[in-house]
């Protein structure tokens, strides 16, 4: 994958995270704050816990830090998969965001 292809796919992922936050906030009382700074999105929950998602351009990876740990994802041609087999990005984000918020949340591409 070229740097340009990585950035295109990674930008789509970050936009999907932001759109999911907007949808969640419009349809529930979750109140997930989404702040973007360049290649990083920080999700802050009402209990002040956070999930940080950032791009690692030289490695062509997306990293996510949550209470449950740190995860690295690579694009496999159709999905962002954890490099150590922990699963697909949006499934993991859904799991961790639901756990940290105490509410059932759904993130999707």
Protein backbone atom coordinates (compact mmCIF):
# COMPACT_ATOMS: atom_id res chain seq x y z
CA UNK A 1 0.00 0.00 0.00
CA UNK A 2 1.30 3.43 -0.88
CA UNK A 3 1.37 6.33 1.57
CA UNK A 4 -1.44 7.99 -0.39
CA UNK A 5 -3.61 4.86 -0.27
CA UNK A 6 -3.00 4.54 3.47
CA UNK A 7 -4.00 8.15 4.08
CA UNK A 8 -7.16 7.74 2.01
CA UNK A 9 -8.29 4.64 3.93
CA UNK A 10 -7.21 6.08 7.29
CA UNK A 11 -9.05 9.35 6.67
CA UNK A 12 -12.21 7.37 5.85
CA UNK A 13 -11.83 5.52 9.16
CA UNK A 14 -11.46 8.73 11.19
CA UNK A 15 -14.46 10.30 9.45
CA UNK A 16 -16.52 7.19 10.16
CA UNK A 17 -15.60 7.43 13.86
CA UNK A 18 -16.68 11.08 13.93
CA UNK A 19 -19.94 10.33 12.09
CA UNK A 20 -20.67 7.44 14.44
CA UNK A 21 -20.22 9.80 17.42
CA UNK A 22 -22.64 12.29 15.84
CA UNK A 23 -25.19 9.54 15.22
CA UNK A 24 -24.80 8.15 18.75
CA UNK A 25 -25.25 11.61 20.27
CA UNK A 26 -28.31 12.31 18.10
CA UNK A 27 -30.04 9.04 19.00
CA UNK A 28 -29.06 8.45 22.64
CA UNK A 29 -28.03 10.12 25.89
CA UNK A 30 -24.45 8.90 25.56
CA UNK A 31 -22.89 12.39 25.18
CA UNK A 32 -19.65 11.20 23.55
CA UNK A 33 -17.35 14.16 22.89
CA UNK A 34 -15.26 13.71 19.74
CA UNK A 35 -12.27 16.03 19.26
CA UNK A 36 -10.06 15.85 16.19
CA UNK A 37 -6.56 17.22 15.87
CA UNK A 38 -4.87 16.29 12.59
CA UNK A 39 -4.54 12.51 12.47
CA UNK A 40 -5.86 11.97 15.99
CA UNK A 41 -9.41 11.64 17.35
CA UNK A 42 -10.05 11.67 21.09
CA UNK A 43 -13.36 10.35 22.37
CA UNK A 44 -14.28 11.54 25.86
CA UNK A 45 -17.14 10.00 27.80
CA UNK A 46 -19.21 11.65 30.56
CA UNK A 47 -17.20 9.73 33.21
CA UNK A 48 -14.09 11.50 31.79
CA UNK A 49 -12.52 8.31 30.43
CA UNK A 50 -11.09 8.54 26.93
CA UNK A 51 -10.30 6.52 23.85
CA UNK A 52 -7.58 7.92 21.58
CA UNK A 53 -7.28 6.92 17.93
CA UNK A 54 -4.28 8.11 15.95
CA UNK A 55 -2.56 7.48 12.66
CA UNK A 56 0.94 6.03 12.50
CA UNK A 57 1.82 7.06 8.94
CA UNK A 58 5.30 5.51 8.69
CA UNK A 59 3.91 2.11 9.77
CA UNK A 60 0.65 2.39 7.78
CA UNK A 61 -1.23 1.63 11.00
CA UNK A 62 -4.04 3.10 13.08
CA UNK A 63 -3.51 2.89 16.82
CA UNK A 64 -6.21 2.89 19.46
CA UNK A 65 -5.66 3.40 23.19
CA UNK A 66 -8.51 2.49 25.55
CA UNK A 67 -8.83 1.38 29.17
CA UNK A 68 -8.54 -2.22 27.98
CA UNK A 69 -5.16 -1.58 26.34
CA UNK A 70 -3.42 -0.39 23.20
CA UNK A 71 -4.17 -1.81 19.75
CA UNK A 72 -2.58 -1.53 16.31
CA UNK A 73 -4.63 -1.97 13.14
CA UNK A 74 -3.62 -2.51 9.50
CA UNK A 75 -5.87 -2.32 6.48
CA UNK A 76 -6.28 -5.76 4.86
CA UNK A 77 -7.92 -4.49 1.67
CA UNK A 78 -11.41 -4.31 3.12
CA UNK A 79 -11.18 -3.90 6.93
CA UNK A 80 -8.83 -2.60 9.60
CA UNK A 81 -7.63 -5.69 11.50
CA UNK A 82 -5.66 -5.83 14.76
CA UNK A 83 -2.06 -6.84 14.10
CA UNK A 84 -2.20 -9.37 16.98
CA UNK A 85 -5.52 -10.95 16.04
CA UNK A 86 -7.75 -9.06 18.51
CA UNK A 87 -10.35 -8.32 15.81
CA UNK A 88 -11.69 -5.66 13.49
CA UNK A 89 -11.33 -1.98 14.41
CA UNK A 90 -15.01 -0.97 14.61
CA UNK A 91 -15.94 -4.10 16.59
CA UNK A 92 -13.17 -3.36 19.09
CA UNK A 93 -14.09 0.33 19.29
CA UNK A 94 -17.75 -0.62 19.87
CA UNK A 95 -16.72 -3.01 22.66
CA UNK A 96 -14.39 -0.56 24.40
CA UNK A 97 -16.63 2.50 24.01
CA UNK A 98 -19.62 0.56 25.38
CA UNK A 99 -17.57 -0.66 28.31
CA UNK A 100 -16.13 2.76 29.12
CA UNK A 101 -19.42 4.64 28.71
CA UNK A 102 -21.55 2.07 30.52
CA UNK A 103 -24.01 2.19 27.59
CA UNK A 104 -24.49 0.04 24.53
CA UNK A 105 -22.88 2.02 21.70
CA UNK A 106 -22.42 1.03 18.06
CA UNK A 107 -19.57 2.30 15.85
CA UNK A 108 -19.43 1.37 12.17
CA UNK A 109 -17.68 2.15 8.93
